[in-house]
Amino acid sequence: MQPGVWALQPVADMSAAEFRKWQTLLEERTGVVVNEQRRAFLQTNLTARMRELGVTDYSSYYQQVTAGPRGAVEWSTLLDRLTVQETRFFRHRPSFEVLEHYLRERLAQGLQRPWEMWSVGCSSGEEPYSLAITAAEVLRETEQPAHFGVTGTDISLNALSKARDGQYSARRLDQMDEDLSRRYFLTQPDGRLKIMPSLAARVCCARLNVLELAKAPMSGMDVIFCQNLLIYFRRWRRREILNRLAERLAPGGLLVVGVGEVVGWQHPELIPVADERVLAFTRKG
């Protein structure tokens, strides 16, 4: 084949059997369900990676992804393609309003220890930094303005690398007040905005597969955000994940979930937050 011709080839069609094979692999390893509506997304991303490697059929690539240590490396690369999320700072404003109100109430009760917050499925970092900015604003006029820490976790190494880098286009900040962007970001020569080092120091990002929450070291968390993640899982798995997260909350802690991502879930230790704009719970004290 002439150079450049392969790049022009259309997305290879996937047989029903091949689709089921890839569906099963993704769900077994990550819990993520690729339904029929996302079949084209899967095909496009697989084909793009196969072109880079010079692989011409799905079966050969499947063997490459699942075989030994090399397969593990390739799987990690592929996963980055399949899990990248479009996100923004303060993506769901009402959730952060509930968080701010909650933290101000906590502050009024007195600061015993640093607040510990967790962004589950943190993608490229916008959510954990939004959590950090909210906490920094609440504590700004106090004697302990840095009395908090945020952990962001995600399965994608590429997304985590972007989160740690902490540089964003202005478009990612379009839901943020200008005074906040001036206070917590430095404008770079190329026009991008970089998180202030003092704020970045309060945020840690680490790799975690939500199927392995039982092994996660996080416990006694004051705040857990889990938004725009559960939609990719089966209903029983969503409840399982939420039950695990509920166990990681400190007494009085706040759990915020994406609106509409789970229906009818209850936990004996959690009390729903009385705000119809959000899906949030507090743990009994």
C-alpha atoms as a PDB file:
ATOM      1  CA  MET A   1       0.000   0.000   0.000  1.00  0.00           C
ATOM      2  CA  GLN A   2       1.356   3.458  -0.903  1.00  0.00           C
ATOM      3  CA  PRO A   3       2.421   5.790   1.956  1.00  0.00           C
ATOM      4  CA  GLY A   4      -0.485   7.854   3.203  1.00  0.00           C
ATOM      5  CA  VAL A   5      -3.150   5.629   1.643  1.00  0.00           C
ATOM      6  CA  TRP A   6      -3.779   3.715   4.896  1.00  0.00           C
ATOM      7  CA  ALA A   7      -4.595   6.982   6.693  1.00  0.00           C
ATOM      8  CA  LEU A   8      -7.373   7.615   4.178  1.00  0.00           C
ATOM      9  CA  GLN A   9      -9.045   4.255   4.710  1.00  0.00           C
ATOM     10  CA  PRO A  10     -12.554   4.447   6.221  1.00  0.00           C
ATOM     11  CA  VAL A  11     -13.312   3.142   9.702  1.00  0.00           C
ATOM     12  CA  ALA A  12     -13.372  -0.641   9.500  1.00  0.00           C
ATOM     13  CA  ASP A  13     -16.778  -2.133  10.207  1.00  0.00           C
ATOM     14  CA  MET A  14     -17.003  -4.389  13.225  1.00  0.00           C
ATOM     15  CA  SER A  15     -18.933  -7.639  13.232  1.00  0.00           C
ATOM     16  CA  ALA A  16     -21.475  -8.283  15.994  1.00  0.00           C
ATOM     17  CA  ALA A  17     -19.186 -10.946  17.473  1.00  0.00           C
ATOM     18  CA  GLU A  18     -16.183  -8.581  17.479  1.00  0.00           C
ATOM     19  CA  PHE A  19     -18.237  -5.812  19.072  1.00  0.00           C
ATOM     20  CA  ARG A  20     -19.362  -8.155  21.875  1.00  0.00           C
ATOM     21  CA  LYS A  21     -15.762  -9.244  22.409  1.00  0.00           C
ATOM     22  CA  TRP A  22     -14.555  -5.660  22.887  1.00  0.00           C
ATOM     23  CA  GLN A  23     -17.624  -4.787  24.986  1.00  0.00           C
ATOM     24  CA  THR A  24     -16.848  -7.676  27.331  1.00  0.00           C
ATOM     25  CA  LEU A  25     -13.164  -6.752  27.627  1.00  0.00           C
ATOM     26  CA  LEU A  26     -13.944  -3.133  28.517  1.00  0.00           C
ATOM     27  CA  GLU A  27     -16.616  -4.034  31.044  1.00  0.00           C
ATOM     28  CA  GLU A  28     -14.527  -6.743  32.715  1.00  0.00           C
ATOM     29  CA  ARG A  29     -11.506  -4.485  33.080  1.00  0.00           C
ATOM     30  CA  THR A  30     -13.097  -1.097  33.772  1.00  0.00           C
ATOM     31  CA  GLY A  31     -16.811  -1.622  34.402  1.00  0.00           C
ATOM     32  CA  VAL A  32     -17.584   0.748  31.518  1.00  0.00           C
ATOM     33  CA  VAL A  33     -20.437  -0.367  29.256  1.00  0.00           C
ATOM     34  CA  VAL A  34     -20.181   0.519  25.559  1.00  0.00           C
ATOM     35  CA  ASN A  35     -23.755   0.297  24.313  1.00  0.00           C
ATOM     36  CA  GLU A  36     -24.923   0.231  20.701  1.00  0.00           C
ATOM     37  CA  GLN A  37     -25.139   4.054  20.626  1.00  0.00           C
ATOM     38  CA  ARG A  38     -21.412   4.273  21.400  1.00  0.00           C
ATOM     39  CA  ARG A  39     -20.395   1.596  18.900  1.00  0.00           C
ATOM     40  CA  ALA A  40     -19.223   4.182  16.345  1.00  0.00           C
ATOM     41  CA  PHE A  41     -17.124   5.896  19.042  1.00  0.00           C
ATOM     42  CA  LEU A  42     -15.469   2.575  19.865  1.00  0.00           C
ATOM     43  CA  GLN A  43     -14.848   1.692  16.206  1.00  0.00           C
ATOM     44  CA  THR A  44     -13.367   5.117  15.412  1.00  0.00           C
ATOM     45  CA  ASN A  45     -10.948   5.064  18.337  1.00  0.00           C
ATOM     46  CA  LEU A  46      -9.886   1.469  17.776  1.00  0.00           C
ATOM     47  CA  THR A  47      -9.326   2.093  14.075  1.00  0.00           C
ATOM     48  CA  ALA A  48      -7.283   5.249  14.759  1.00  0.00           C
ATOM     49  CA  ARG A  49      -4.962   3.339  17.085  1.00  0.00           C
ATOM     50  CA  MET A  50      -4.761   0.348  14.717  1.00  0.00           C
ATOM     51  CA  ARG A  51      -3.661   2.675  11.902  1.00  0.00           C
ATOM     52  CA  GLU A  52      -0.839   4.023  14.055  1.00  0.00           C
ATOM     53  CA  LEU A  53       0.339   0.467  14.690  1.00  0.00           C
ATOM     54  CA  GLY A  54      -0.259  -0.792  11.148  1.00  0.00           C
ATOM     55  CA  VAL A  55      -2.764  -3.399  12.340  1.00  0.00           C
ATOM     56  CA  THR A  56      -5.498  -4.153   9.797  1.00  0.00           C
ATOM     57  CA  ASP A  57      -8.156  -6.109  11.696  1.00  0.00           C
ATOM     58  CA  TYR A  58      -9.844  -5.992  15.106  1.00  0.00           C
ATOM     59  CA  SER A  59      -8.998  -9.581  16.032  1.00  0.00           C
ATOM     60  CA  SER A  60      -5.255  -9.061  15.613  1.00  0.00           C
ATOM     61  CA  TYR A  61      -5.416  -5.890  17.677  1.00  0.00           C
ATOM     62  CA  TYR A  62      -7.451  -7.660  20.376  1.00  0.00           C
ATOM     63  CA  GLN A  63      -4.694 -10.286  20.635  1.00  0.00           C
ATOM     64  CA  GLN A  64      -2.091  -7.527  20.890  1.00  0.00           C
ATOM     65  CA  VAL A  65      -3.977  -5.753  23.697  1.00  0.00           C
ATOM     66  CA  THR A  66      -4.561  -8.890  25.783  1.00  0.00           C
ATOM     67  CA  ALA A  67      -1.174 -10.652  25.412  1.00  0.00           C
ATOM     68  CA  GLY A  68       1.366 -10.334  28.235  1.00  0.00           C
ATOM     69  CA  PRO A  69       3.263  -7.270  29.534  1.00  0.00           C
ATOM     70  CA  ARG A  70       3.313  -5.598  26.107  1.00  0.00           C
ATOM     71  CA  GLY A  71      -0.431  -5.976  25.970  1.00  0.00           C
ATOM     72  CA  ALA A  72      -0.730  -4.199  29.323  1.00  0.00           C
ATOM     73  CA  VAL A  73       1.200  -1.224  27.962  1.00  0.00           C
ATOM     74  CA  GLU A  74      -0.944  -1.084  24.823  1.00  0.00           C
ATOM     75  CA  TRP A  75      -4.119  -1.435  26.907  1.00  0.00           C
ATOM     76  CA  SER A  76      -3.111   1.622  28.933  1.00  0.00           C
ATOM     77  CA  THR A  77      -2.559   3.598  25.714  1.00  0.00           C
ATOM     78  CA  LEU A  78      -5.917   2.522  24.281  1.00  0.00           C
ATOM     79  CA  LEU A  79      -7.724   3.302  27.532  1.00  0.00           C
ATOM     80  CA  ASP A  80      -6.619   6.927  27.286  1.00  0.00           C
ATOM     81  CA  ARG A  81      -8.382   7.141  23.917  1.00  0.00           C
ATOM     82  CA  LEU A  82     -11.595   5.592  25.222  1.00  0.00           C
ATOM     83  CA  THR A  83     -11.983   7.500  28.498  1.00  0.00           C
ATOM     84  CA  VAL A  84     -11.153  11.114  27.641  1.00  0.00           C
ATOM     85  CA  GLN A  85     -13.976  13.359  28.858  1.00  0.00           C
ATOM     86  CA  GLU A  86     -14.848  16.908  27.863  1.00  0.00           C
ATOM     87  CA  THR A  87     -15.103  18.875  31.083  1.00  0.00           C
ATOM     88  CA  ARG A  88     -14.923  22.397  32.483  1.00  0.00           C
ATOM     89  CA  PHE A  89     -14.281  24.181  35.743  1.00  0.00           C
ATOM     90  CA  PHE A  90     -17.384  24.390  37.964  1.00  0.00           C
ATOM     91  CA  ARG A  91     -19.186  22.252  35.400  1.00  0.00           C
ATOM     92  CA  HIS A  92     -22.421  21.876  37.409  1.00  0.00           C
ATOM     93  CA  ARG A  93     -22.739  25.168  39.265  1.00  0.00           C
ATOM     94  CA  PRO A  94     -25.475  24.103  41.755  1.00  0.00           C
ATOM     95  CA  SER A  95     -23.236  21.277  43.042  1.00  0.00           C
ATOM     96  CA  PHE A  96     -20.514  23.771  43.884  1.00  0.00           C
ATOM     97  CA  GLU A  97     -23.024  26.113  45.506  1.00  0.00           C
ATOM     98  CA  VAL A  98     -24.083  23.225  47.753  1.00  0.00           C
ATOM     99  CA  LEU A  99     -20.397  22.508  48.463  1.00  0.00           C
ATOM    100  CA  GLU A 100     -19.670  26.132  49.384  1.00  0.00           C
ATOM    101  CA  HIS A 101     -22.679  26.267  51.727  1.00  0.00           C
ATOM    102  CA  TYR A 102     -21.592  22.981  53.317  1.00  0.00           C
ATOM    103  CA  LEU A 103     -17.998  24.171  53.863  1.00  0.00           C
ATOM    104  CA  ARG A 104     -19.131  27.474  55.363  1.00  0.00           C
ATOM    105  CA  GLU A 105     -21.274  25.554  57.834  1.00  0.00           C
ATOM    106  CA  ARG A 106     -18.305  23.330  58.662  1.00  0.00           C
ATOM    107  CA  LEU A 107     -16.125  26.404  59.146  1.00  0.00           C
ATOM    108  CA  ALA A 108     -18.678  27.899  61.560  1.00  0.00           C
ATOM    109  CA  GLN A 109     -18.368  24.716  63.646  1.00  0.00           C
ATOM    110  CA  GLY A 110     -14.608  25.233  63.921  1.00  0.00           C
ATOM    111  CA  LEU A 111     -11.586  23.835  62.060  1.00  0.00           C
ATOM    112  CA  GLN A 112     -10.298  20.783  63.899  1.00  0.00           C
ATOM    113  CA  ARG A 113      -8.322  19.178  61.054  1.00  0.00           C
ATOM    114  CA  PRO A 114      -7.702  19.905  57.370  1.00  0.00           C
ATOM    115  CA  TRP A 115     -10.662  19.169  55.097  1.00  0.00           C
ATOM    116  CA  GLU A 116     -10.069  16.132  52.884  1.00  0.00           C
ATOM    117  CA  MET A 117     -11.851  16.141  49.510  1.00  0.00           C
ATOM    118  CA  TRP A 118     -11.913  13.550  46.722  1.00  0.00           C
ATOM    119  CA  SER A 119     -12.788  13.911  43.031  1.00  0.00           C
ATOM    120  CA  VAL A 120     -13.621  10.429  41.663  1.00  0.00           C
ATOM    121  CA  GLY A 121     -13.072  10.308  37.897  1.00  0.00           C
ATOM    122  CA  CYS A 122     -11.149  13.586  37.884  1.00  0.00           C
ATOM    123  CA  SER A 123     -10.293  13.502  34.161  1.00  0.00           C
ATOM    124  CA  SER A 124      -7.876  16.340  33.251  1.00  0.00           C
ATOM    125  CA  GLY A 125      -8.170  18.067  36.619  1.00  0.00           C
ATOM    126  CA  GLU A 126     -10.905  20.670  36.260  1.00  0.00           C
ATOM    127  CA  GLU A 127     -13.088  19.171  39.014  1.00  0.00           C
ATOM    128  CA  PRO A 128     -10.417  18.711  41.727  1.00  0.00           C
ATOM    129  CA  TYR A 129      -9.111  22.227  41.104  1.00  0.00           C
ATOM    130  CA  SER A 130     -12.696  23.545  41.280  1.00  0.00           C
ATOM    131  CA  LEU A 131     -13.018  21.815  44.667  1.00  0.00           C
ATOM    132  CA  ALA A 132      -9.733  23.373  45.765  1.00  0.00           C
ATOM    133  CA  ILE A 133     -10.780  26.861  44.651  1.00  0.00           C
ATOM    134  CA  THR A 134     -14.080  26.546  46.523  1.00  0.00           C
ATOM    135  CA  ALA A 135     -12.296  25.519  49.728  1.00  0.00           C
ATOM    136  CA  ALA A 136      -9.648  28.225  49.300  1.00  0.00           C
ATOM    137  CA  GLU A 137     -12.366  30.866  48.911  1.00  0.00           C
ATOM    138  CA  VAL A 138     -14.191  29.729  52.066  1.00  0.00           C
ATOM    139  CA  LEU A 139     -10.935  29.769  54.057  1.00  0.00           C
ATOM    140  CA  ARG A 140      -9.394  32.851  52.430  1.00  0.00           C
ATOM    141  CA  GLU A 141     -10.017  35.286  55.304  1.00  0.00           C
ATOM    142  CA  THR A 142      -9.231  32.768  58.060  1.00  0.00           C
ATOM    143  CA  GLU A 143      -5.957  32.118  59.882  1.00  0.00           C
ATOM    144  CA  GLN A 144      -5.638  28.752  58.104  1.00  0.00           C
ATOM    145  CA  PRO A 145      -6.227  29.451  54.385  1.00  0.00           C
ATOM    146  CA  ALA A 146      -4.538  26.211  53.282  1.00  0.00           C
ATOM    147  CA  HIS A 147      -6.316  23.900  55.746  1.00  0.00           C
ATOM    148  CA  PHE A 148      -7.531  21.463  53.056  1.00  0.00           C
ATOM    149  CA  GLY A 149      -6.356  18.871  50.584  1.00  0.00           C
ATOM    150  CA  VAL A 150      -7.900  17.454  47.400  1.00  0.00           C
ATOM    151  CA  THR A 151      -7.270  14.035  45.841  1.00  0.00           C
ATOM    152  CA  GLY A 152      -8.232  13.442  42.220  1.00  0.00           C
ATOM    153  CA  THR A 153      -8.365   9.880  40.878  1.00  0.00           C
ATOM    154  CA  ASP A 154      -8.839   8.563  37.352  1.00  0.00           C
ATOM    155  CA  ILE A 155      -8.075   5.447  35.323  1.00  0.00           C
ATOM    156  CA  SER A 156      -6.432   7.386  32.472  1.00  0.00           C
ATOM    157  CA  LEU A 157      -2.712   8.126  32.839  1.00  0.00           C
ATOM    158  CA  ASN A 158      -2.920  10.690  30.050  1.00  0.00           C
ATOM    159  CA  ALA A 159      -5.731  12.580  31.809  1.00  0.00           C
ATOM    160  CA  LEU A 160      -3.798  12.489  35.093  1.00  0.00           C
ATOM    161  CA  SER A 161      -0.736  13.906  33.354  1.00  0.00           C
ATOM    162  CA  LYS A 162      -2.817  16.858  32.131  1.00  0.00           C
ATOM    163  CA  ALA A 163      -4.275  17.319  35.611  1.00  0.00           C
ATOM    164  CA  ARG A 164      -0.816  17.463  37.176  1.00  0.00           C
ATOM    165  CA  ASP A 165       0.366  19.900  34.502  1.00  0.00           C
ATOM    166  CA  GLY A 166      -2.540  22.201  35.420  1.00  0.00           C
ATOM    167  CA  GLN A 167      -2.626  24.269  32.205  1.00  0.00           C
ATOM    168  CA  TYR A 168      -5.924  25.005  30.453  1.00  0.00           C
ATOM    169  CA  SER A 169      -7.382  26.916  27.544  1.00  0.00           C
ATOM    170  CA  ALA A 170      -9.540  29.931  28.433  1.00  0.00           C
ATOM    171  CA  ARG A 171     -12.591  28.021  27.138  1.00  0.00           C
ATOM    172  CA  ARG A 172     -12.329  25.571  30.081  1.00  0.00           C
ATOM    173  CA  LEU A 173     -12.769  28.516  32.459  1.00  0.00           C
ATOM    174  CA  ASP A 174     -15.855  30.022  30.807  1.00  0.00           C
ATOM    175  CA  GLN A 175     -18.095  29.177  33.793  1.00  0.00           C
ATOM    176  CA  MET A 176     -15.739  30.790  36.302  1.00  0.00           C
ATOM    177  CA  ASP A 177     -15.960  34.319  37.722  1.00  0.00           C
ATOM    178  CA  GLU A 178     -13.175  36.574  36.434  1.00  0.00           C
ATOM    179  CA  ASP A 179     -11.923  37.461  39.902  1.00  0.00           C
ATOM    180  CA  LEU A 180     -11.428  33.748  40.650  1.00  0.00           C
ATOM    181  CA  SER A 181      -9.474  33.162  37.448  1.00  0.00           C
ATOM    182  CA  ARG A 182      -7.239  36.142  38.279  1.00  0.00           C
ATOM    183  CA  ARG A 183      -6.720  34.894  41.846  1.00  0.00           C
ATOM    184  CA  TYR A 184      -5.921  31.259  41.082  1.00  0.00           C
ATOM    185  CA  PHE A 185      -4.420  31.210  37.566  1.00  0.00           C
ATOM    186  CA  LEU A 186      -1.327  32.598  35.853  1.00  0.00           C
ATOM    187  CA  THR A 187      -1.626  33.571  32.187  1.00  0.00           C
ATOM    188  CA  GLN A 188       1.069  31.854  30.097  1.00  0.00           C
ATOM    189  CA  PRO A 189       2.793  33.357  27.018  1.00  0.00           C
ATOM    190  CA  ASP A 190       0.677  31.151  24.729  1.00  0.00           C
ATOM    191  CA  GLY A 191      -2.572  32.440  26.316  1.00  0.00           C
ATOM    192  CA  ARG A 192      -3.253  29.298  28.333  1.00  0.00           C
ATOM    193  CA  LEU A 193      -3.931  29.565  32.052  1.00  0.00           C
ATOM    194  CA  LYS A 194      -1.898  27.699  34.674  1.00  0.00           C
ATOM    195  CA  ILE A 195      -3.012  26.884  38.208  1.00  0.00           C
ATOM    196  CA  MET A 196      -1.179  28.949  40.843  1.00  0.00           C
ATOM    197  CA  PRO A 197       1.557  26.849  42.516  1.00  0.00           C
ATOM    198  CA  SER A 198       0.125  27.545  45.984  1.00  0.00           C
ATOM    199  CA  LEU A 199      -3.227  26.000  44.944  1.00  0.00           C
ATOM    200  CA  ALA A 200      -1.654  23.168  42.928  1.00  0.00           C
ATOM    201  CA  ALA A 201       0.256  22.170  46.086  1.00  0.00           C
ATOM    202  CA  ARG A 202      -3.064  21.327  47.759  1.00  0.00           C
ATOM    203  CA  VAL A 203      -4.104  18.898  44.971  1.00  0.00           C
ATOM    204  CA  CYS A 204      -2.803  15.358  44.417  1.00  0.00           C
ATOM    205  CA  CYS A 205      -3.784  13.191  41.428  1.00  0.00           C
ATOM    206  CA  ALA A 206      -3.431   9.391  41.362  1.00  0.00           C
ATOM    207  CA  ARG A 207      -4.489   6.454  39.183  1.00  0.00           C
ATOM    208  CA  LEU A 208      -7.452   4.419  40.408  1.00  0.00           C
ATOM    209  CA  ASN A 209      -9.859   2.038  38.702  1.00  0.00           C
ATOM    210  CA  VAL A 210     -13.283   2.467  40.346  1.00  0.00           C
ATOM    211  CA  LEU A 211     -13.719  -1.317  40.186  1.00  0.00           C
ATOM    212  CA  GLU A 212     -10.925  -1.454  42.771  1.00  0.00           C
ATOM    213  CA  LEU A 213     -12.357   1.027  45.288  1.00  0.00           C
ATOM    214  CA  ALA A 214     -12.012  -1.596  48.023  1.00  0.00           C
ATOM    215  CA  LYS A 215      -8.229  -1.190  47.713  1.00  0.00           C
ATOM    216  CA  ALA A 216      -8.285   2.624  47.683  1.00  0.00           C
ATOM    217  CA  PRO A 217      -6.412   4.224  50.607  1.00  0.00           C
ATOM    218  CA  MET A 218      -8.878   7.127  50.926  1.00  0.00           C
ATOM    219  CA  SER A 219     -10.999   7.107  54.096  1.00  0.00           C
ATOM    220  CA  GLY A 220     -12.604   9.630  56.418  1.00  0.00           C
ATOM    221  CA  MET A 221     -13.236  12.014  53.519  1.00  0.00           C
ATOM    222  CA  ASP A 222     -15.110  15.242  54.249  1.00  0.00           C
ATOM    223  CA  VAL A 223     -16.265  15.661  50.640  1.00  0.00           C
ATOM    224  CA  ILE A 224     -16.542  13.202  47.737  1.00  0.00           C
ATOM    225  CA  PHE A 225     -17.576  14.329  44.232  1.00  0.00           C
ATOM    226  CA  CYS A 226     -18.533  11.603  41.727  1.00  0.00           C
ATOM    227  CA  GLN A 227     -20.123  13.281  38.696  1.00  0.00           C
ATOM    228  CA  ASN A 228     -20.383  12.292  35.013  1.00  0.00           C
ATOM    229  CA  LEU A 229     -18.835   8.904  35.743  1.00  0.00           C
ATOM    230  CA  LEU A 230     -21.610   6.535  36.823  1.00  0.00           C
ATOM    231  CA  ILE A 231     -23.504   6.982  33.533  1.00  0.00           C
ATOM    232  CA  TYR A 232     -21.011   4.597  31.895  1.00  0.00           C
ATOM    233  CA  PHE A 233     -21.798   1.704  34.265  1.00  0.00           C
ATOM    234  CA  ARG A 234     -24.628  -0.764  34.689  1.00  0.00           C
ATOM    235  CA  ARG A 235     -27.195   0.156  37.330  1.00  0.00           C
ATOM    236  CA  TRP A 236     -26.110  -2.525  39.824  1.00  0.00           C
ATOM    237  CA  ARG A 237     -22.506  -1.396  39.451  1.00  0.00           C
ATOM    238  CA  ARG A 238     -23.457   2.247  40.070  1.00  0.00           C
ATOM    239  CA  ARG A 239     -25.022   1.279  43.385  1.00  0.00           C
ATOM    240  CA  GLU A 240     -21.993  -0.826  44.279  1.00  0.00           C
ATOM    241  CA  ILE A 241     -19.654   2.111  43.603  1.00  0.00           C
ATOM    242  CA  LEU A 242     -21.809   4.503  45.636  1.00  0.00           C
ATOM    243  CA  ASN A 243     -21.952   2.063  48.549  1.00  0.00           C
ATOM    244  CA  ARG A 244     -18.144   1.937  48.525  1.00  0.00           C
ATOM    245  CA  LEU A 245     -17.895   5.725  48.442  1.00  0.00           C
ATOM    246  CA  ALA A 246     -20.380   6.083  51.290  1.00  0.00           C
ATOM    247  CA  GLU A 247     -18.075   3.914  53.424  1.00  0.00           C
ATOM    248  CA  ARG A 248     -15.203   6.345  52.743  1.00  0.00           C
ATOM    249  CA  LEU A 249     -17.066   9.405  54.065  1.00  0.00           C
ATOM    250  CA  ALA A 250     -16.307  10.805  57.500  1.00  0.00           C
ATOM    251  CA  PRO A 251     -19.289  11.331  59.831  1.00  0.00           C
ATOM    252  CA  GLY A 252     -21.025  14.478  58.596  1.00  0.00           C
ATOM    253  CA  GLY A 253     -19.247  14.178  55.227  1.00  0.00           C
ATOM    254  CA  LEU A 254     -20.807  15.255  51.904  1.00  0.00           C
ATOM    255  CA  LEU A 255     -21.251  13.021  48.824  1.00  0.00           C
ATOM    256  CA  VAL A 256     -22.204  14.752  45.541  1.00  0.00           C
ATOM    257  CA  VAL A 257     -23.333  12.644  42.548  1.00  0.00           C
ATOM    258  CA  GLY A 258     -24.297  13.703  39.020  1.00  0.00           C
ATOM    259  CA  VAL A 259     -28.006  14.529  38.698  1.00  0.00           C
ATOM    260  CA  GLY A 260     -29.873  11.635  37.040  1.00  0.00           C
ATOM    261  CA  GLU A 261     -26.917   9.231  37.215  1.00  0.00           C
ATOM    262  CA  VAL A 262     -28.595   6.956  39.746  1.00  0.00           C
ATOM    263  CA  VAL A 263     -32.271   6.515  40.622  1.00  0.00           C
ATOM    264  CA  GLY A 264     -33.707   5.221  43.881  1.00  0.00           C
ATOM    265  CA  TRP A 265     -30.365   4.581  45.596  1.00  0.00           C
ATOM    266  CA  GLN A 266     -30.403   4.818  49.369  1.00  0.00           C
ATOM    267  CA  HIS A 267     -27.869   4.132  52.081  1.00  0.00           C
ATOM    268  CA  PRO A 268     -28.704   3.639  55.767  1.00  0.00           C
ATOM    269  CA  GLU A 269     -25.940   6.051  56.853  1.00  0.00           C
ATOM    270  CA  LEU A 270     -26.719   8.830  54.366  1.00  0.00           C
ATOM    271  CA  ILE A 271     -29.284  11.642  54.459  1.00  0.00           C
ATOM    272  CA  PRO A 272     -30.312  13.304  51.144  1.00  0.00           C
ATOM    273  CA  VAL A 273     -29.511  17.024  50.825  1.00  0.00           C
ATOM    274  CA  ALA A 274     -32.747  19.017  50.556  1.00  0.00           C
ATOM    275  CA  ASP A 275     -31.974  20.766  47.257  1.00  0.00           C
ATOM    276  CA  GLU A 276     -33.783  19.580  44.118  1.00  0.00           C
ATOM    277  CA  ARG A 277     -31.055  21.001  41.837  1.00  0.00           C
ATOM    278  CA  VAL A 278     -28.511  18.428  43.001  1.00  0.00           C
ATOM    279  CA  LEU A 279     -28.131  14.786  43.992  1.00  0.00           C
ATOM    280  CA  ALA A 280     -26.179  14.947  47.237  1.00  0.00           C
ATOM    281  CA  PHE A 281     -26.074  13.255  50.636  1.00  0.00           C
ATOM    282  CA  THR A 282     -24.520  13.827  54.032  1.00  0.00           C
ATOM    283  CA  ARG A 283     -23.346  11.019  56.304  1.00  0.00           C
ATOM    284  CA  LYS A 284     -24.936  10.817  59.728  1.00  0.00           C
ATOM    285  CA  GLY A 285     -22.730  12.365  62.396  1.00  0.00           C
END
